[in-house]
Amino acid sequence: MEVEVKLRLPNADSYHRVTTLLSPFHVITHRQHNLFFDGAGSELSSRRAILRLRFYGDDERCVVSLKAKAVLVDGVSRVEEDEEDLDPKIGRDCVDEPGKLGLVESRIMGRVKEEFGVVGENGFVGLGGFKNVRNVYDWKGLKLEVDETHFDFGTLFEIECESSDPEEAKRILEEFLKENGIDYSYSVASKFAIFRAGKLP
């Protein structure tokens, strides 16, 4: 179970203020391209699951993820997540021809076949996706991920923090934002849900 605090920043100005304040604690910046897939008969989405391929940079890495049963309440997200690395070339082949996902030999694709019944070359459809710039910070014992997410219909700014004690992490983050006069709100939808809705919340 992945548990994350998710706080939305209202605009680019708030985002730049946060990243400037956190700059001494910067660890790395990831440029991500997230692409999503479902079964041709909605076998995954009908059971609140989704399959994602995430490419890093110039395809130096690709990670396949199976997410299920996401719940987001008061800025805390809980989701069942399983992921593993995939050869980026194979990943790109699957983006071009989603049916090839049915031929991929991997633990997660085995789960998709067995648990959700998505099989064969005609079993998968591509849903599209979005790009994300993720700045990672090591701050006050927390790993913060500050995201600038580019959808076709707008840009979302968000702080994420995975934690075994989300309420404490949220308290520390909210205190930091309030002390610095930075507006924020609790995220009300996952990036995937926003992508599917076709509009910013």
N, C-alpha and C. Protein backbone atom coordinates (compact mmCIF):
# COMPACT_ATOMS: atom_id res chain seq x y z
N MET A 1 0.85 -1.20 0.00
CA MET A 1 0.00 0.00 0.00
C MET A 1 0.88 1.25 0.00
N GLU A 2 0.70 2.08 -1.00
CA GLU A 2 1.42 3.36 -1.06
C GLU A 2 0.55 4.42 -0.40
N VAL A 3 1.11 5.13 0.59
CA VAL A 3 0.40 6.19 1.29
C VAL A 3 1.16 7.49 1.08
N GLU A 4 0.47 8.49 0.52
CA GLU A 4 1.11 9.76 0.19
C GLU A 4 0.26 10.94 0.63
N VAL A 5 0.93 11.98 1.08
CA VAL A 5 0.28 13.28 1.24
C VAL A 5 0.32 13.97 -0.12
N LYS A 6 -0.80 14.57 -0.52
CA LYS A 6 -0.86 15.27 -1.81
C LYS A 6 -1.50 16.64 -1.58
N LEU A 7 -0.69 17.68 -1.78
CA LEU A 7 -1.16 19.05 -1.62
C LEU A 7 -1.04 19.78 -2.95
N ARG A 8 -2.12 20.40 -3.36
CA ARG A 8 -2.13 21.12 -4.63
C ARG A 8 -1.72 22.57 -4.43
N LEU A 9 -0.84 23.04 -5.32
CA LEU A 9 -0.46 24.45 -5.35
C LEU A 9 -1.27 25.14 -6.44
N PRO A 10 -1.77 26.36 -6.18
CA PRO A 10 -2.76 26.95 -7.10
C PRO A 10 -2.20 27.42 -8.44
N ASN A 11 -0.89 27.75 -8.50
CA ASN A 11 -0.38 28.36 -9.73
C ASN A 11 1.14 28.25 -9.80
N ALA A 12 1.69 28.72 -10.91
CA ALA A 12 3.14 28.64 -11.15
C ALA A 12 3.91 29.47 -10.13
N ASP A 13 3.34 30.60 -9.69
CA ASP A 13 4.02 31.44 -8.71
C ASP A 13 4.24 30.68 -7.40
N SER A 14 3.20 30.02 -6.91
CA SER A 14 3.33 29.23 -5.68
C SER A 14 4.34 28.10 -5.86
N TYR A 15 4.28 27.46 -7.00
CA TYR A 15 5.22 26.37 -7.32
C TYR A 15 6.66 26.88 -7.28
N HIS A 16 6.92 28.02 -7.91
CA HIS A 16 8.29 28.55 -7.96
C HIS A 16 8.76 29.00 -6.57
N ARG A 17 7.85 29.50 -5.76
CA ARG A 17 8.22 29.88 -4.39
C ARG A 17 8.62 28.65 -3.59
N VAL A 18 7.86 27.57 -3.74
CA VAL A 18 8.17 26.34 -3.02
C VAL A 18 9.52 25.77 -3.48
N THR A 19 9.72 25.68 -4.79
CA THR A 19 10.97 25.09 -5.29
C THR A 19 12.18 25.97 -4.94
N THR A 20 11.98 27.29 -4.87
CA THR A 20 13.08 28.17 -4.47
C THR A 20 13.44 27.96 -3.00
N LEU A 21 12.44 27.89 -2.15
CA LEU A 21 12.68 27.66 -0.72
C LEU A 21 13.34 26.31 -0.46
N LEU A 22 12.97 25.32 -1.26
CA LEU A 22 13.50 23.97 -1.05
C LEU A 22 14.81 23.71 -1.80
N SER A 23 15.26 24.68 -2.60
CA SER A 23 16.42 24.43 -3.47
C SER A 23 17.66 23.91 -2.75
N PRO A 24 17.95 24.32 -1.49
CA PRO A 24 19.14 23.76 -0.83
C PRO A 24 19.02 22.25 -0.55
N PHE A 25 17.81 21.73 -0.64
CA PHE A 25 17.56 20.32 -0.30
C PHE A 25 17.30 19.46 -1.54
N HIS A 26 17.53 20.05 -2.73
CA HIS A 26 17.24 19.36 -3.99
C HIS A 26 18.14 18.14 -4.17
N VAL A 27 17.54 17.02 -4.57
CA VAL A 27 18.28 15.78 -4.80
C VAL A 27 18.40 15.48 -6.29
N ILE A 28 17.28 15.52 -7.01
CA ILE A 28 17.28 15.17 -8.43
C ILE A 28 16.00 15.70 -9.07
N THR A 29 16.05 15.88 -10.38
CA THR A 29 14.85 16.23 -11.16
C THR A 29 14.61 15.12 -12.17
N HIS A 30 13.38 14.59 -12.17
CA HIS A 30 12.98 13.56 -13.13
C HIS A 30 12.04 14.17 -14.16
N ARG A 31 12.32 13.88 -15.43
CA ARG A 31 11.37 14.23 -16.49
C ARG A 31 10.67 12.94 -16.90
N GLN A 32 9.37 12.89 -16.61
CA GLN A 32 8.61 11.66 -16.77
C GLN A 32 7.56 11.79 -17.86
N HIS A 33 7.32 10.69 -18.56
CA HIS A 33 6.21 10.61 -19.51
C HIS A 33 5.37 9.42 -19.07
N ASN A 34 4.14 9.69 -18.62
CA ASN A 34 3.25 8.66 -18.09
C ASN A 34 2.20 8.30 -19.13
N LEU A 35 2.10 7.01 -19.45
CA LEU A 35 1.12 6.53 -20.44
C LEU A 35 0.33 5.39 -19.82
N PHE A 36 -0.98 5.38 -20.09
CA PHE A 36 -1.89 4.48 -19.39
C PHE A 36 -2.60 3.52 -20.34
N PHE A 37 -2.95 2.36 -19.80
CA PHE A 37 -3.55 1.30 -20.61
C PHE A 37 -4.67 0.62 -19.82
N ASP A 38 -5.63 0.10 -20.57
CA ASP A 38 -6.74 -0.66 -19.98
C ASP A 38 -6.96 -1.88 -20.85
N GLY A 39 -7.78 -2.79 -20.36
CA GLY A 39 -8.20 -3.89 -21.20
C GLY A 39 -9.19 -3.38 -22.24
N ALA A 40 -9.27 -4.06 -23.37
CA ALA A 40 -10.19 -3.64 -24.44
C ALA A 40 -11.64 -3.63 -23.96
N GLY A 41 -11.94 -4.46 -22.97
CA GLY A 41 -13.28 -4.49 -22.40
C GLY A 41 -13.35 -3.77 -21.06
N SER A 42 -12.44 -2.83 -20.81
CA SER A 42 -12.36 -2.07 -19.54
C SER A 42 -12.18 -2.97 -18.33
N GLU A 43 -11.48 -4.08 -18.54
CA GLU A 43 -11.31 -5.04 -17.44
C GLU A 43 -10.60 -4.44 -16.22
N LEU A 44 -9.68 -3.51 -16.47
CA LEU A 44 -8.96 -2.90 -15.35
C LEU A 44 -9.76 -1.76 -14.72
N SER A 45 -10.17 -0.80 -15.54
CA SER A 45 -10.84 0.39 -14.99
C SER A 45 -12.17 0.04 -14.31
N SER A 46 -12.84 -0.98 -14.79
CA SER A 46 -14.12 -1.37 -14.18
C SER A 46 -13.92 -1.91 -12.76
N ARG A 47 -12.68 -2.29 -12.45
CA ARG A 47 -12.35 -2.77 -11.10
C ARG A 47 -11.39 -1.82 -10.39
N ARG A 48 -11.44 -0.53 -10.80
CA ARG A 48 -10.66 0.54 -10.17
C ARG A 48 -9.16 0.25 -10.18
N ALA A 49 -8.70 -0.28 -11.31
CA ALA A 49 -7.27 -0.54 -11.48
C ALA A 49 -6.81 0.12 -12.78
N ILE A 50 -5.50 0.33 -12.88
CA ILE A 50 -4.95 0.93 -14.09
C ILE A 50 -3.51 0.46 -14.28
N LEU A 51 -3.14 0.34 -15.53
CA LEU A 51 -1.78 -0.05 -15.89
C LEU A 51 -1.06 1.18 -16.47
N ARG A 52 0.15 1.45 -15.94
CA ARG A 52 0.89 2.63 -16.38
C ARG A 52 2.30 2.26 -16.80
N LEU A 53 2.74 2.86 -17.89
CA LEU A 53 4.15 2.84 -18.26
C LEU A 53 4.70 4.24 -18.03
N ARG A 54 5.78 4.32 -17.25
CA ARG A 54 6.41 5.62 -16.98
C ARG A 54 7.82 5.60 -17.56
N PHE A 55 8.07 6.53 -18.48
CA PHE A 55 9.39 6.66 -19.08
C PHE A 55 10.12 7.84 -18.44
N TYR A 56 11.41 7.66 -18.20
CA TYR A 56 12.24 8.69 -17.59
C TYR A 56 13.19 9.28 -18.62
N GLY A 57 13.27 10.63 -18.64
CA GLY A 57 14.23 11.32 -19.50
C GLY A 57 14.10 10.90 -20.95
N ASP A 58 15.24 10.60 -21.56
CA ASP A 58 15.26 10.15 -22.95
C ASP A 58 15.17 8.64 -23.02
N ASP A 59 14.17 8.11 -22.33
CA ASP A 59 13.91 6.66 -22.30
C ASP A 59 15.06 5.87 -21.69
N GLU A 60 15.78 6.48 -20.71
CA GLU A 60 16.83 5.70 -20.06
C GLU A 60 16.25 4.68 -19.08
N ARG A 61 14.98 4.87 -18.71
CA ARG A 61 14.34 3.91 -17.81
C ARG A 61 12.85 3.86 -18.10
N CYS A 62 12.26 2.69 -17.93
CA CYS A 62 10.81 2.53 -18.05
C CYS A 62 10.33 1.67 -16.89
N VAL A 63 9.28 2.10 -16.23
CA VAL A 63 8.71 1.35 -15.10
C VAL A 63 7.24 1.06 -15.41
N VAL A 64 6.87 -0.21 -15.28
CA VAL A 64 5.46 -0.60 -15.45
C VAL A 64 4.84 -0.71 -14.06
N SER A 65 3.66 -0.11 -13.90
CA SER A 65 2.98 -0.09 -12.60
C SER A 65 1.54 -0.55 -12.75
N LEU A 66 1.09 -1.30 -11.76
CA LEU A 66 -0.32 -1.67 -11.64
C LEU A 66 -0.83 -1.02 -10.37
N LYS A 67 -1.80 -0.12 -10.54
CA LYS A 67 -2.38 0.58 -9.38
C LYS A 67 -3.83 0.18 -9.24
N ALA A 68 -4.28 0.04 -7.99
CA ALA A 68 -5.66 -0.39 -7.77
C ALA A 68 -6.23 0.22 -6.50
N LYS A 69 -7.54 0.41 -6.51
CA LYS A 69 -8.33 0.80 -5.34
C LYS A 69 -7.81 2.07 -4.67
N ALA A 70 -7.58 3.10 -5.49
CA ALA A 70 -7.09 4.38 -4.95
C ALA A 70 -8.17 5.09 -4.16
N VAL A 71 -7.77 5.64 -3.01
CA VAL A 71 -8.66 6.46 -2.19
C VAL A 71 -7.89 7.71 -1.81
N LEU A 72 -8.52 8.89 -1.99
CA LEU A 72 -7.88 10.17 -1.67
C LEU A 72 -8.82 10.96 -0.78
N VAL A 73 -8.43 11.12 0.51
CA VAL A 73 -9.27 11.81 1.49
C VAL A 73 -8.41 12.81 2.26
N ASP A 74 -8.86 14.06 2.35
CA ASP A 74 -8.16 15.10 3.12
C ASP A 74 -6.68 15.18 2.79
N GLY A 75 -6.37 15.08 1.49
CA GLY A 75 -5.00 15.24 1.06
C GLY A 75 -4.10 14.05 1.31
N VAL A 76 -4.69 12.92 1.69
CA VAL A 76 -3.90 11.69 1.89
C VAL A 76 -4.41 10.61 0.93
N SER A 77 -3.50 10.13 0.09
CA SER A 77 -3.83 9.12 -0.91
C SER A 77 -3.36 7.75 -0.44
N ARG A 78 -4.23 6.76 -0.60
CA ARG A 78 -3.86 5.37 -0.33
C ARG A 78 -4.20 4.54 -1.57
N VAL A 79 -3.20 3.83 -2.07
CA VAL A 79 -3.42 3.05 -3.30
C VAL A 79 -2.55 1.81 -3.25
N GLU A 80 -3.12 0.70 -3.72
CA GLU A 80 -2.34 -0.52 -3.88
C GLU A 80 -1.49 -0.35 -5.14
N GLU A 81 -0.17 -0.49 -4.99
CA GLU A 81 0.71 -0.27 -6.14
C GLU A 81 1.76 -1.36 -6.22
N ASP A 82 1.96 -1.85 -7.42
CA ASP A 82 2.99 -2.84 -7.70
C ASP A 82 3.74 -2.36 -8.94
N GLU A 83 5.06 -2.38 -8.90
CA GLU A 83 5.80 -1.89 -10.07
C GLU A 83 7.10 -2.63 -10.26
N GLU A 84 7.57 -2.59 -11.50
CA GLU A 84 8.86 -3.20 -11.84
C GLU A 84 9.41 -2.55 -13.09
N ASP A 85 10.72 -2.66 -13.29
CA ASP A 85 11.35 -2.08 -14.46
C ASP A 85 11.06 -2.92 -15.70
N LEU A 86 10.99 -2.23 -16.84
CA LEU A 86 10.76 -2.87 -18.13
C LEU A 86 11.76 -2.26 -19.11
N ASP A 87 12.27 -3.05 -20.02
CA ASP A 87 13.17 -2.55 -21.06
C ASP A 87 12.47 -1.39 -21.78
N PRO A 88 13.09 -0.18 -21.80
CA PRO A 88 12.41 0.97 -22.42
C PRO A 88 12.03 0.74 -23.88
N LYS A 89 12.84 -0.01 -24.62
CA LYS A 89 12.49 -0.26 -26.02
C LYS A 89 11.21 -1.09 -26.12
N ILE A 90 11.10 -2.10 -25.27
CA ILE A 90 9.86 -2.90 -25.24
C ILE A 90 8.69 -2.01 -24.84
N GLY A 91 8.92 -1.12 -23.86
CA GLY A 91 7.86 -0.19 -23.44
C GLY A 91 7.38 0.68 -24.59
N ARG A 92 8.30 1.23 -25.35
CA ARG A 92 7.92 2.09 -26.48
C ARG A 92 7.19 1.29 -27.57
N ASP A 93 7.62 0.04 -27.77
CA ASP A 93 6.91 -0.81 -28.74
C ASP A 93 5.45 -1.00 -28.30
N CYS A 94 5.25 -1.13 -26.99
CA CYS A 94 3.89 -1.33 -26.46
C CYS A 94 3.05 -0.05 -26.57
N VAL A 95 3.70 1.10 -26.47
CA VAL A 95 2.98 2.36 -26.67
C VAL A 95 2.49 2.45 -28.12
N ASP A 96 3.37 2.07 -29.04
CA ASP A 96 3.01 2.13 -30.47
C ASP A 96 1.95 1.09 -30.82
N GLU A 97 2.06 -0.08 -30.19
CA GLU A 97 1.11 -1.17 -30.44
C GLU A 97 0.72 -1.79 -29.10
N PRO A 98 -0.34 -1.26 -28.44
CA PRO A 98 -0.71 -1.72 -27.11
C PRO A 98 -0.92 -3.23 -27.00
N GLY A 99 -1.31 -3.88 -28.11
CA GLY A 99 -1.49 -5.33 -28.09
C GLY A 99 -0.24 -6.07 -27.66
N LYS A 100 0.93 -5.47 -27.88
CA LYS A 100 2.18 -6.14 -27.51
C LYS A 100 2.34 -6.30 -26.01
N LEU A 101 1.56 -5.53 -25.22
CA LEU A 101 1.59 -5.72 -23.77
C LEU A 101 1.23 -7.16 -23.39
N GLY A 102 0.34 -7.74 -24.19
CA GLY A 102 -0.09 -9.12 -23.92
C GLY A 102 1.01 -10.14 -24.12
N LEU A 103 2.10 -9.73 -24.77
CA LEU A 103 3.22 -10.64 -25.04
C LEU A 103 4.39 -10.42 -24.09
N VAL A 104 4.30 -9.36 -23.26
CA VAL A 104 5.41 -9.04 -22.36
C VAL A 104 5.48 -10.07 -21.23
N GLU A 105 6.68 -10.61 -21.04
CA GLU A 105 6.90 -11.56 -19.95
C GLU A 105 7.38 -10.78 -18.72
N SER A 106 6.50 -10.60 -17.76
CA SER A 106 6.89 -9.92 -16.52
C SER A 106 5.91 -10.31 -15.42
N ARG A 107 6.34 -10.08 -14.20
CA ARG A 107 5.49 -10.43 -13.05
C ARG A 107 4.18 -9.65 -13.08
N ILE A 108 4.27 -8.34 -13.33
CA ILE A 108 3.06 -7.52 -13.31
C ILE A 108 2.13 -7.89 -14.46
N MET A 109 2.66 -8.10 -15.66
CA MET A 109 1.79 -8.48 -16.76
C MET A 109 1.16 -9.84 -16.51
N GLY A 110 1.87 -10.71 -15.78
CA GLY A 110 1.27 -11.98 -15.36
C GLY A 110 0.08 -11.74 -14.45
N ARG A 111 0.20 -10.78 -13.54
CA ARG A 111 -0.92 -10.45 -12.64
C ARG A 111 -2.11 -9.90 -13.43
N VAL A 112 -1.81 -9.03 -14.43
CA VAL A 112 -2.89 -8.44 -15.23
C VAL A 112 -3.67 -9.55 -15.95
N LYS A 113 -2.95 -10.54 -16.45
CA LYS A 113 -3.62 -11.65 -17.15
C LYS A 113 -4.41 -12.51 -16.17
N GLU A 114 -3.78 -12.86 -15.05
CA GLU A 114 -4.41 -13.80 -14.12
C GLU A 114 -5.54 -13.16 -13.31
N GLU A 115 -5.31 -11.95 -12.78
CA GLU A 115 -6.29 -11.34 -11.88
C GLU A 115 -7.39 -10.58 -12.61
N PHE A 116 -7.07 -10.06 -13.80
CA PHE A 116 -8.05 -9.22 -14.50
C PHE A 116 -8.52 -9.83 -15.82
N GLY A 117 -7.87 -10.91 -16.24
CA GLY A 117 -8.32 -11.62 -17.43
C GLY A 117 -8.07 -10.91 -18.74
N VAL A 118 -7.06 -10.01 -18.75
CA VAL A 118 -6.71 -9.34 -20.01
C VAL A 118 -5.65 -10.19 -20.71
N VAL A 119 -6.01 -10.78 -21.83
CA VAL A 119 -5.09 -11.69 -22.52
C VAL A 119 -5.07 -11.41 -24.02
N GLY A 120 -3.99 -11.87 -24.66
CA GLY A 120 -3.92 -11.82 -26.12
C GLY A 120 -3.54 -10.48 -26.69
N GLU A 121 -3.23 -10.49 -27.98
CA GLU A 121 -2.76 -9.28 -28.65
C GLU A 121 -3.85 -8.23 -28.81
N ASN A 122 -5.12 -8.63 -28.73
CA ASN A 122 -6.21 -7.66 -28.86
C ASN A 122 -6.75 -7.23 -27.50
N GLY A 123 -6.01 -7.59 -26.45
CA GLY A 123 -6.54 -7.39 -25.11
C GLY A 123 -6.35 -6.01 -24.51
N PHE A 124 -5.44 -5.19 -25.09
CA PHE A 124 -5.10 -3.91 -24.46
C PHE A 124 -5.38 -2.73 -25.37
N VAL A 125 -5.73 -1.61 -24.73
CA VAL A 125 -5.90 -0.35 -25.46
C VAL A 125 -5.11 0.74 -24.73
N GLY A 126 -4.53 1.64 -25.53
CA GLY A 126 -3.83 2.79 -24.96
C GLY A 126 -4.80 3.92 -24.68
N LEU A 127 -4.63 4.57 -23.54
CA LEU A 127 -5.52 5.66 -23.14
C LEU A 127 -4.87 7.04 -23.32
N GLY A 128 -3.57 7.05 -23.66
CA GLY A 128 -2.85 8.32 -23.72
C GLY A 128 -2.18 8.62 -22.39
N GLY A 129 -1.80 9.87 -22.20
CA GLY A 129 -1.11 10.19 -20.96
C GLY A 129 -0.69 11.64 -20.88
N PHE A 130 0.32 11.90 -20.05
CA PHE A 130 0.78 13.27 -19.80
C PHE A 130 2.24 13.25 -19.36
N LYS A 131 2.84 14.44 -19.39
CA LYS A 131 4.24 14.58 -18.98
C LYS A 131 4.32 15.29 -17.63
N ASN A 132 5.37 14.95 -16.89
CA ASN A 132 5.53 15.49 -15.55
C ASN A 132 7.00 15.80 -15.29
N VAL A 133 7.25 16.97 -14.70
CA VAL A 133 8.60 17.30 -14.22
C VAL A 133 8.54 17.18 -12.70
N ARG A 134 9.32 16.27 -12.15
CA ARG A 134 9.29 15.99 -10.71
C ARG A 134 10.62 16.38 -10.08
N ASN A 135 10.57 17.37 -9.20
CA ASN A 135 11.73 17.76 -8.41
C ASN A 135 11.67 17.05 -7.06
N VAL A 136 12.75 16.37 -6.71
CA VAL A 136 12.79 15.57 -5.48
C VAL A 136 13.68 16.27 -4.46
N TYR A 137 13.20 16.36 -3.23
CA TYR A 137 13.93 17.03 -2.15
C TYR A 137 13.99 16.13 -0.92
N ASP A 138 15.12 16.18 -0.22
CA ASP A 138 15.27 15.51 1.07
C ASP A 138 15.23 16.61 2.13
N TRP A 139 14.08 16.74 2.80
CA TRP A 139 13.82 17.89 3.66
C TRP A 139 13.18 17.44 4.97
N LYS A 140 13.83 17.77 6.07
CA LYS A 140 13.30 17.46 7.42
C LYS A 140 12.93 15.99 7.57
N GLY A 141 13.76 15.13 6.98
CA GLY A 141 13.50 13.69 7.08
C GLY A 141 12.40 13.20 6.16
N LEU A 142 11.88 14.09 5.33
CA LEU A 142 10.82 13.72 4.38
C LEU A 142 11.37 13.74 2.96
N LYS A 143 10.87 12.85 2.14
CA LYS A 143 11.18 12.88 0.71
C LYS A 143 10.02 13.58 0.01
N LEU A 144 10.27 14.82 -0.42
CA LEU A 144 9.23 15.60 -1.08
C LEU A 144 9.40 15.50 -2.59
N GLU A 145 8.28 15.37 -3.28
CA GLU A 145 8.25 15.38 -4.75
C GLU A 145 7.34 16.53 -5.17
N VAL A 146 7.94 17.53 -5.80
CA VAL A 146 7.16 18.70 -6.23
C VAL A 146 6.99 18.60 -7.74
N ASP A 147 5.74 18.47 -8.16
CA ASP A 147 5.43 18.13 -9.54
C ASP A 147 4.85 19.31 -10.32
N GLU A 148 5.28 19.40 -11.57
CA GLU A 148 4.69 20.30 -12.56
C GLU A 148 4.20 19.39 -13.68
N THR A 149 2.88 19.16 -13.72
CA THR A 149 2.30 18.16 -14.61
C THR A 149 1.61 18.84 -15.79
N HIS A 150 2.02 18.45 -16.99
CA HIS A 150 1.51 19.08 -18.21
C HIS A 150 0.48 18.17 -18.89
N PHE A 151 -0.79 18.59 -18.78
CA PHE A 151 -1.87 17.94 -19.51
C PHE A 151 -2.13 18.74 -20.79
N ASP A 152 -2.86 18.16 -21.71
CA ASP A 152 -3.23 18.89 -22.93
C ASP A 152 -4.11 20.10 -22.61
N PHE A 153 -4.78 20.06 -21.45
CA PHE A 153 -5.77 21.08 -21.11
C PHE A 153 -5.30 22.02 -19.99
N GLY A 154 -4.05 21.89 -19.55
CA GLY A 154 -3.57 22.78 -18.50
C GLY A 154 -2.44 22.16 -17.70
N THR A 155 -1.91 22.94 -16.75
CA THR A 155 -0.78 22.50 -15.94
C THR A 155 -1.19 22.44 -14.47
N LEU A 156 -0.81 21.36 -13.83
CA LEU A 156 -1.12 21.13 -12.41
C LEU A 156 0.17 21.20 -11.61
N PHE A 157 0.12 21.83 -10.44
CA PHE A 157 1.27 21.91 -9.54
C PHE A 157 0.89 21.22 -8.23
N GLU A 158 1.77 20.35 -7.76
CA GLU A 158 1.40 19.52 -6.61
C GLU A 158 2.65 19.10 -5.83
N ILE A 159 2.48 18.99 -4.51
CA ILE A 159 3.52 18.43 -3.65
C ILE A 159 3.05 17.05 -3.22
N GLU A 160 3.92 16.04 -3.36
CA GLU A 160 3.62 14.70 -2.88
C GLU A 160 4.68 14.29 -1.88
N CYS A 161 4.26 13.52 -0.89
CA CYS A 161 5.21 13.04 0.12
C CYS A 161 4.74 11.67 0.60
N GLU A 162 5.47 10.62 0.23
CA GLU A 162 5.14 9.28 0.70
C GLU A 162 5.61 9.15 2.14
N SER A 163 4.74 8.62 3.00
CA SER A 163 5.08 8.56 4.42
C SER A 163 4.30 7.45 5.12
N SER A 164 4.95 6.84 6.11
CA SER A 164 4.25 5.86 6.95
C SER A 164 3.42 6.57 8.02
N ASP A 165 3.65 7.88 8.19
CA ASP A 165 2.87 8.70 9.13
C ASP A 165 2.36 9.93 8.39
N PRO A 166 1.36 9.72 7.53
CA PRO A 166 0.93 10.82 6.65
C PRO A 166 0.39 12.04 7.39
N GLU A 167 -0.26 11.84 8.52
CA GLU A 167 -0.83 12.98 9.23
C GLU A 167 0.27 13.90 9.76
N GLU A 168 1.37 13.31 10.25
CA GLU A 168 2.49 14.12 10.73
C GLU A 168 3.19 14.81 9.56
N ALA A 169 3.39 14.07 8.46
CA ALA A 169 4.01 14.67 7.28
C ALA A 169 3.16 15.84 6.77
N LYS A 170 1.85 15.65 6.77
CA LYS A 170 0.95 16.71 6.30
C LYS A 170 1.04 17.92 7.23
N ARG A 171 1.12 17.68 8.54
CA ARG A 171 1.22 18.78 9.51
C ARG A 171 2.49 19.60 9.26
N ILE A 172 3.63 18.92 9.06
CA ILE A 172 4.90 19.61 8.83
C ILE A 172 4.84 20.42 7.53
N LEU A 173 4.28 19.81 6.48
CA LEU A 173 4.18 20.50 5.19
C LEU A 173 3.25 21.71 5.27
N GLU A 174 2.10 21.54 5.91
CA GLU A 174 1.16 22.65 6.00
C GLU A 174 1.76 23.81 6.81
N GLU A 175 2.48 23.48 7.87
CA GLU A 175 3.14 24.50 8.69
C GLU A 175 4.14 25.28 7.84
N PHE A 176 4.93 24.57 7.04
CA PHE A 176 5.93 25.20 6.15
C PHE A 176 5.26 26.14 5.16
N LEU A 177 4.17 25.69 4.53
CA LEU A 177 3.48 26.51 3.54
C LEU A 177 2.83 27.73 4.18
N LYS A 178 2.22 27.53 5.34
CA LYS A 178 1.56 28.66 6.03
C LYS A 178 2.59 29.69 6.49
N GLU A 179 3.71 29.22 7.05
CA GLU A 179 4.76 30.13 7.53
C GLU A 179 5.29 31.02 6.40
N ASN A 180 5.28 30.48 5.20
CA ASN A 180 5.82 31.21 4.05
C ASN A 180 4.74 31.87 3.21
N GLY A 181 3.50 31.86 3.70
CA GLY A 181 2.41 32.55 3.03
C GLY A 181 2.08 31.98 1.66
N ILE A 182 2.24 30.65 1.51
CA ILE A 182 1.99 30.01 0.21
C ILE A 182 0.63 29.32 0.24
N ASP A 183 -0.25 29.70 -0.68
CA ASP A 183 -1.57 29.09 -0.75
C ASP A 183 -1.45 27.64 -1.20
N TYR A 184 -2.36 26.81 -0.72
CA TYR A 184 -2.40 25.40 -1.11
C TYR A 184 -3.79 24.87 -0.79
N SER A 185 -4.07 23.69 -1.27
CA SER A 185 -5.31 23.00 -0.91
C SER A 185 -5.03 21.51 -0.93
N TYR A 186 -5.91 20.73 -0.33
CA TYR A 186 -5.77 19.28 -0.39
C TYR A 186 -6.13 18.82 -1.80
N SER A 187 -5.30 17.98 -2.38
CA SER A 187 -5.64 17.43 -3.69
C SER A 187 -6.91 16.60 -3.57
N VAL A 188 -7.77 16.72 -4.57
CA VAL A 188 -9.06 16.03 -4.51
C VAL A 188 -9.16 14.91 -5.55
N ALA A 189 -8.16 14.81 -6.44
CA ALA A 189 -8.19 13.78 -7.47
C ALA A 189 -6.76 13.42 -7.85
N SER A 190 -6.56 12.17 -8.23
CA SER A 190 -5.24 11.74 -8.70
C SER A 190 -4.95 12.36 -10.07
N LYS A 191 -3.69 12.36 -10.45
CA LYS A 191 -3.35 12.89 -11.77
C LYS A 191 -4.05 12.10 -12.87
N PHE A 192 -4.15 10.78 -12.68
CA PHE A 192 -4.83 9.96 -13.68
C PHE A 192 -6.31 10.34 -13.79
N ALA A 193 -6.96 10.54 -12.63
CA ALA A 193 -8.38 10.92 -12.65
C ALA A 193 -8.57 12.28 -13.33
N ILE A 194 -7.63 13.21 -13.11
CA ILE A 194 -7.71 14.51 -13.76
C ILE A 194 -7.53 14.35 -15.27
N PHE A 195 -6.56 13.53 -15.65
CA PHE A 195 -6.33 13.26 -17.07
C PHE A 195 -7.58 12.70 -17.73
N ARG A 196 -8.24 11.75 -17.07
CA ARG A 196 -9.43 11.12 -17.65
C ARG A 196 -10.60 12.10 -17.70
N ALA A 197 -10.68 13.01 -16.72
CA ALA A 197 -11.77 13.99 -16.69
C ALA A 197 -11.60 15.04 -17.79
N GLY A 198 -10.35 15.25 -18.20
CA GLY A 198 -10.10 16.21 -19.27
C GLY A 198 -10.14 17.66 -18.85
N LYS A 199 -10.04 17.90 -17.52
CA LYS A 199 -10.03 19.28 -17.03
C LYS A 199 -9.43 19.31 -15.63
N LEU A 200 -8.85 20.44 -15.29
CA LEU A 200 -8.28 20.60 -13.95
C LEU A 200 -9.42 20.77 -12.93
N PRO A 201 -9.26 20.21 -11.74
CA PRO A 201 -10.33 20.32 -10.74
C PRO A 201 -10.44 21.74 -10.18
